[in-house]
Amino acid sequence: MRSIIPQINHWMEVILENWEVQCMAVKLFVIGRPGSGKTTAAHFIAAFMRDSGQSVDSINDYDFLKTMFDADKEHNKFLPTELGGFDVLDFSVLDVALQEIEKKVQELLPTKDLITIEFARDDYSQAMMQFNANFLKDAYFLFINADIDTCLARINKRVTNPKTADDHPSLSDKKFREHYWKDNKSYITLDLKSAYTLDEQQVMVIENMGSYEEFGKKLIEWANVILQELRNNIPVPVLQ
């Protein structure tokens, strides 16, 4: 028995030398139709968190889809549209983009306080299945709701008069109406919670049909919920 003790002590020293205390980032999904206000919400919350001393990174699936579009020289999976946009022909690329997002977020988790994950889908129940269930269980979900006509009007306005790099073209109007007709609000408020055993505070729906001021007030309330979670975040020991 005594001969084992030195070995145990040695391995304890090795473990402690490679033991690092880390806080895993809070994951915040910002979802809704294109034009609903997702990007505005993601930027607003990110700025609020940075002003509060938190480190933030933002992930948008458009970057992954644009990379795949640029590589699709024969237009087997994408079709170019006016103003530099593209329609999706092979919708499996949407699932691939989400799987790539999870990989990217996993890389960033040990280095950030908050990571916003932004993407639009016609069916969020199908979309969430592209992620590992454990990846979703401790995440937060902000669903921005706006009707399809309002979303299209906003998109056409920002594409015609772009002010930021995020004011890029989306689907054509016809494809947009065909693809985003479904109302996902009931799934977000009911089925998403039960499917991944989420607490009430992990899911928020914000209606964005009014003024920017009204939208901003709602976002501040939600941002404070996330900030409190970050401040309560308990460091997790990680063996390097």
Protein backbone atom coordinates (compact mmCIF):
# COMPACT_ATOMS: atom_id res chain seq x y z
CA MET A 1 0.00 0.00 0.00
CA ARG A 2 2.83 2.41 0.93
CA SER A 3 4.49 1.89 -2.47
CA ILE A 4 1.38 3.22 -4.22
CA ILE A 5 1.32 6.52 -2.31
CA PRO A 6 4.29 8.11 -4.14
CA GLN A 7 2.64 7.24 -7.49
CA ILE A 8 -0.65 8.79 -6.39
CA ASN A 9 1.16 11.93 -5.25
CA HIS A 10 2.96 12.13 -8.59
CA TRP A 11 -0.25 11.90 -10.61
CA MET A 12 -1.99 14.45 -8.40
CA GLU A 13 0.86 16.88 -9.10
CA VAL A 14 0.53 16.26 -12.86
CA ILE A 15 -3.24 16.85 -12.73
CA LEU A 16 -2.93 20.05 -10.72
CA GLU A 17 -0.26 21.42 -13.06
CA ASN A 18 -2.62 20.98 -16.02
CA TRP A 19 -5.78 22.11 -14.26
CA GLU A 20 -7.15 25.42 -15.48
CA VAL A 21 -10.23 27.18 -14.20
CA GLN A 22 -12.47 28.41 -16.99
CA CYS A 23 -15.91 30.00 -17.31
CA MET A 24 -17.78 28.59 -20.26
CA ALA A 25 -19.49 31.25 -22.37
CA VAL A 26 -23.23 31.79 -22.40
CA LYS A 27 -24.67 30.83 -25.79
CA LEU A 28 -27.45 33.09 -27.05
CA PHE A 29 -29.42 32.06 -30.14
CA VAL A 30 -30.98 35.07 -31.88
CA ILE A 31 -33.56 33.71 -34.30
CA GLY A 32 -36.51 34.76 -36.46
CA ARG A 33 -37.28 35.55 -40.08
CA PRO A 34 -34.83 37.63 -42.13
CA GLY A 35 -35.89 41.23 -41.61
CA SER A 36 -37.42 40.55 -38.20
CA GLY A 37 -34.65 42.43 -36.41
CA LYS A 38 -32.27 39.62 -35.46
CA THR A 39 -29.09 41.40 -36.49
CA THR A 40 -30.17 44.60 -34.77
CA ALA A 41 -30.90 42.60 -31.61
CA ALA A 42 -27.61 40.69 -31.76
CA HIS A 43 -25.59 43.90 -32.25
CA PHE A 44 -27.54 45.71 -29.51
CA ILE A 45 -27.00 42.94 -26.95
CA ALA A 46 -23.33 42.51 -27.92
CA ALA A 47 -22.69 46.25 -27.45
CA PHE A 48 -24.57 46.24 -24.12
CA MET A 49 -22.45 43.32 -22.88
CA ARG A 50 -19.17 44.87 -24.00
CA ASP A 51 -20.10 48.10 -22.22
CA SER A 52 -20.68 45.93 -19.12
CA GLY A 53 -17.15 44.49 -19.36
CA GLN A 54 -17.99 41.18 -21.03
CA SER A 55 -16.11 39.63 -23.96
CA VAL A 56 -18.45 38.82 -26.84
CA ASP A 57 -18.28 37.07 -30.21
CA SER A 58 -21.04 36.82 -32.81
CA ILE A 59 -21.71 34.03 -35.28
CA ASN A 60 -23.98 34.41 -38.31
CA ASP A 61 -24.77 31.56 -40.68
CA TYR A 62 -24.69 33.91 -43.68
CA ASP A 63 -20.89 33.86 -43.59
CA PHE A 64 -20.87 30.06 -43.87
CA LEU A 65 -23.51 30.05 -46.64
CA LYS A 66 -21.71 32.78 -48.59
CA THR A 67 -18.49 30.75 -48.49
CA MET A 68 -20.35 27.72 -49.87
CA PHE A 69 -22.06 29.88 -52.51
CA ASP A 70 -18.73 31.31 -53.69
CA ALA A 71 -17.32 27.77 -53.99
CA ASP A 72 -20.36 26.54 -55.99
CA LYS A 73 -19.05 27.63 -59.39
CA GLU A 74 -21.45 25.41 -61.36
CA HIS A 75 -24.48 26.58 -59.34
CA ASN A 76 -25.54 23.10 -58.26
CA LYS A 77 -26.54 24.23 -54.77
CA PHE A 78 -27.05 27.98 -55.13
CA LEU A 79 -28.42 30.31 -57.78
CA PRO A 80 -27.17 33.93 -58.02
CA THR A 81 -29.80 36.66 -57.70
CA GLU A 82 -29.72 40.39 -58.34
CA LEU A 83 -27.64 42.72 -56.16
CA GLY A 84 -25.20 39.92 -55.32
CA GLY A 85 -27.61 37.68 -53.43
CA PHE A 86 -28.36 34.00 -53.89
CA ASP A 87 -31.23 31.53 -53.75
CA VAL A 88 -30.62 28.11 -52.22
CA LEU A 89 -31.32 25.17 -54.54
CA ASP A 90 -30.04 22.35 -52.33
CA PHE A 91 -31.42 23.00 -48.84
CA SER A 92 -29.03 20.51 -47.27
CA VAL A 93 -26.49 23.36 -47.23
CA LEU A 94 -28.58 25.02 -44.51
CA ASP A 95 -28.05 22.02 -42.23
CA VAL A 96 -24.34 21.96 -43.04
CA ALA A 97 -24.05 25.63 -42.08
CA LEU A 98 -25.59 24.96 -38.65
CA GLN A 99 -23.29 22.02 -38.03
CA GLU A 100 -20.32 24.24 -38.87
CA ILE A 101 -21.65 26.88 -36.49
CA GLU A 102 -21.62 24.44 -33.59
CA LYS A 103 -18.00 23.51 -34.33
CA LYS A 104 -17.01 27.18 -34.42
CA VAL A 105 -18.84 28.00 -31.19
CA GLN A 106 -17.23 25.05 -29.40
CA GLU A 107 -13.83 26.51 -30.32
CA LEU A 108 -14.80 29.91 -28.90
CA LEU A 109 -16.53 28.78 -25.69
CA PRO A 110 -13.46 28.79 -23.40
CA THR A 111 -12.36 32.25 -24.56
CA LYS A 112 -15.55 34.35 -24.42
CA ASP A 113 -18.25 35.37 -21.95
CA LEU A 114 -21.07 35.51 -24.50
CA ILE A 115 -21.50 34.13 -28.01
CA THR A 116 -24.49 35.20 -30.09
CA ILE A 117 -25.64 32.72 -32.75
CA GLU A 118 -27.83 34.19 -35.46
CA PHE A 119 -29.66 32.38 -38.23
CA ALA A 120 -33.07 32.29 -39.92
CA ARG A 121 -34.91 29.09 -40.86
CA ASP A 122 -38.38 28.22 -42.10
CA ASP A 123 -38.65 25.34 -39.60
CA TYR A 124 -36.79 25.78 -36.32
CA SER A 125 -37.75 22.34 -35.02
CA GLN A 126 -35.79 20.81 -37.91
CA ALA A 127 -32.99 23.35 -37.55
CA MET A 128 -32.40 22.66 -33.86
CA MET A 129 -31.99 18.96 -34.61
CA GLN A 130 -28.74 19.82 -36.40
CA PHE A 131 -27.18 20.68 -33.03
CA ASN A 132 -26.15 18.31 -30.28
CA ALA A 133 -28.87 18.28 -27.60
CA ASN A 134 -26.35 19.08 -24.86
CA PHE A 135 -25.23 22.10 -26.87
CA LEU A 136 -28.77 23.50 -26.62
CA LYS A 137 -29.74 22.61 -23.04
CA ASP A 138 -27.77 25.41 -21.40
CA ALA A 139 -28.31 27.97 -24.16
CA TYR A 140 -30.60 31.01 -24.26
CA PHE A 141 -33.01 31.70 -27.11
CA LEU A 142 -34.26 35.09 -28.27
CA PHE A 143 -36.96 34.85 -30.96
CA ILE A 144 -37.74 38.08 -32.80
CA ASN A 145 -41.23 37.97 -34.29
CA ALA A 146 -42.46 40.06 -37.24
CA ASP A 147 -44.90 39.28 -40.04
CA ILE A 148 -43.67 38.34 -43.49
CA ASP A 149 -44.69 41.59 -45.24
CA THR A 150 -42.90 43.72 -42.66
CA CYS A 151 -39.77 41.58 -42.97
CA LEU A 152 -39.72 41.84 -46.76
CA ALA A 153 -40.21 45.61 -46.66
CA ARG A 154 -37.27 45.98 -44.25
CA ILE A 155 -35.03 43.74 -46.35
CA ASN A 156 -35.76 45.58 -49.60
CA LYS A 157 -35.12 48.92 -47.91
CA ARG A 158 -31.76 47.95 -46.43
CA VAL A 159 -30.54 46.21 -49.61
CA THR A 160 -31.44 49.27 -51.70
CA ASN A 161 -29.72 51.58 -49.21
CA PRO A 162 -27.05 49.48 -47.46
CA LYS A 163 -25.39 51.06 -44.44
CA THR A 164 -23.45 48.12 -42.99
CA ALA A 165 -21.89 44.85 -44.17
CA ASP A 166 -24.96 43.07 -42.79
CA ASP A 167 -27.25 44.79 -45.32
CA HIS A 168 -26.71 42.03 -47.85
CA PRO A 169 -29.32 40.58 -50.24
CA SER A 170 -31.33 37.56 -49.14
CA LEU A 171 -33.64 35.32 -51.17
CA SER A 172 -35.71 36.78 -53.98
CA ASP A 173 -39.15 38.03 -52.83
CA LYS A 174 -40.89 35.03 -54.40
CA LYS A 175 -38.55 32.51 -52.77
CA PHE A 176 -38.76 34.39 -49.49
CA ARG A 177 -42.56 34.06 -49.32
CA GLU A 178 -42.38 30.40 -50.30
CA HIS A 179 -39.71 29.61 -47.74
CA TYR A 180 -40.66 31.69 -44.69
CA TRP A 181 -44.47 31.37 -44.64
CA LYS A 182 -44.46 29.20 -41.49
CA ASP A 183 -45.06 30.77 -38.08
CA ASN A 184 -42.47 29.31 -35.66
CA LYS A 185 -43.63 31.23 -32.59
CA SER A 186 -45.61 28.35 -31.06
CA TYR A 187 -42.66 25.98 -31.48
CA ILE A 188 -40.32 28.41 -29.75
CA THR A 189 -42.66 29.12 -26.84
CA LEU A 190 -43.79 25.54 -26.21
CA ASP A 191 -42.05 22.68 -28.02
CA LEU A 192 -38.50 24.01 -27.86
CA LYS A 193 -38.70 24.29 -24.07
CA SER A 194 -40.01 20.77 -23.59
CA ALA A 195 -37.70 19.17 -26.17
CA TYR A 196 -34.55 20.44 -24.45
CA THR A 197 -35.85 20.87 -20.87
CA LEU A 198 -35.29 24.62 -20.91
CA ASP A 199 -36.26 26.93 -18.05
CA GLU A 200 -38.71 29.75 -18.64
CA GLN A 201 -35.96 32.36 -18.44
CA GLN A 202 -33.96 30.67 -21.20
CA VAL A 203 -36.51 31.55 -23.89
CA MET A 204 -37.79 35.01 -24.80
CA VAL A 205 -40.08 36.13 -27.64
CA ILE A 206 -40.01 39.81 -28.60
CA GLU A 207 -42.58 41.27 -30.99
CA ASN A 208 -40.87 43.73 -33.32
CA MET A 209 -43.68 45.47 -35.17
CA GLY A 210 -43.38 48.84 -33.49
CA SER A 211 -40.77 51.55 -33.14
CA TYR A 212 -37.04 51.07 -32.65
CA GLU A 213 -37.39 52.69 -29.20
CA GLU A 214 -39.92 50.06 -28.11
CA PHE A 215 -37.71 47.31 -29.49
CA GLY A 216 -34.69 48.72 -27.66
CA LYS A 217 -36.48 48.77 -24.31
CA LYS A 218 -37.41 45.09 -24.66
CA LEU A 219 -33.85 44.21 -25.65
CA ILE A 220 -32.40 45.97 -22.60
CA GLU A 221 -34.67 43.93 -20.33
CA TRP A 222 -33.52 40.70 -21.95
CA ALA A 223 -29.87 41.77 -22.02
CA ASN A 224 -30.00 42.31 -18.27
CA VAL A 225 -31.22 38.73 -17.81
CA ILE A 226 -28.21 37.46 -19.77
CA LEU A 227 -25.85 39.78 -17.91
CA GLN A 228 -27.06 38.44 -14.57
CA GLU A 229 -26.44 34.91 -15.81
CA LEU A 230 -22.90 35.86 -16.81
CA ARG A 231 -22.22 37.39 -13.41
CA ASN A 232 -23.53 34.27 -11.71
CA ASN A 233 -21.48 32.00 -13.96
CA ILE A 234 -19.44 29.63 -11.80
CA PRO A 235 -15.91 28.84 -13.02
CA VAL A 236 -15.62 25.30 -14.36
CA PRO A 237 -12.34 23.38 -13.83
CA VAL A 238 -11.00 22.03 -17.12
CA LEU A 239 -8.17 19.51 -17.44
CA GLN A 240 -5.86 20.71 -20.20
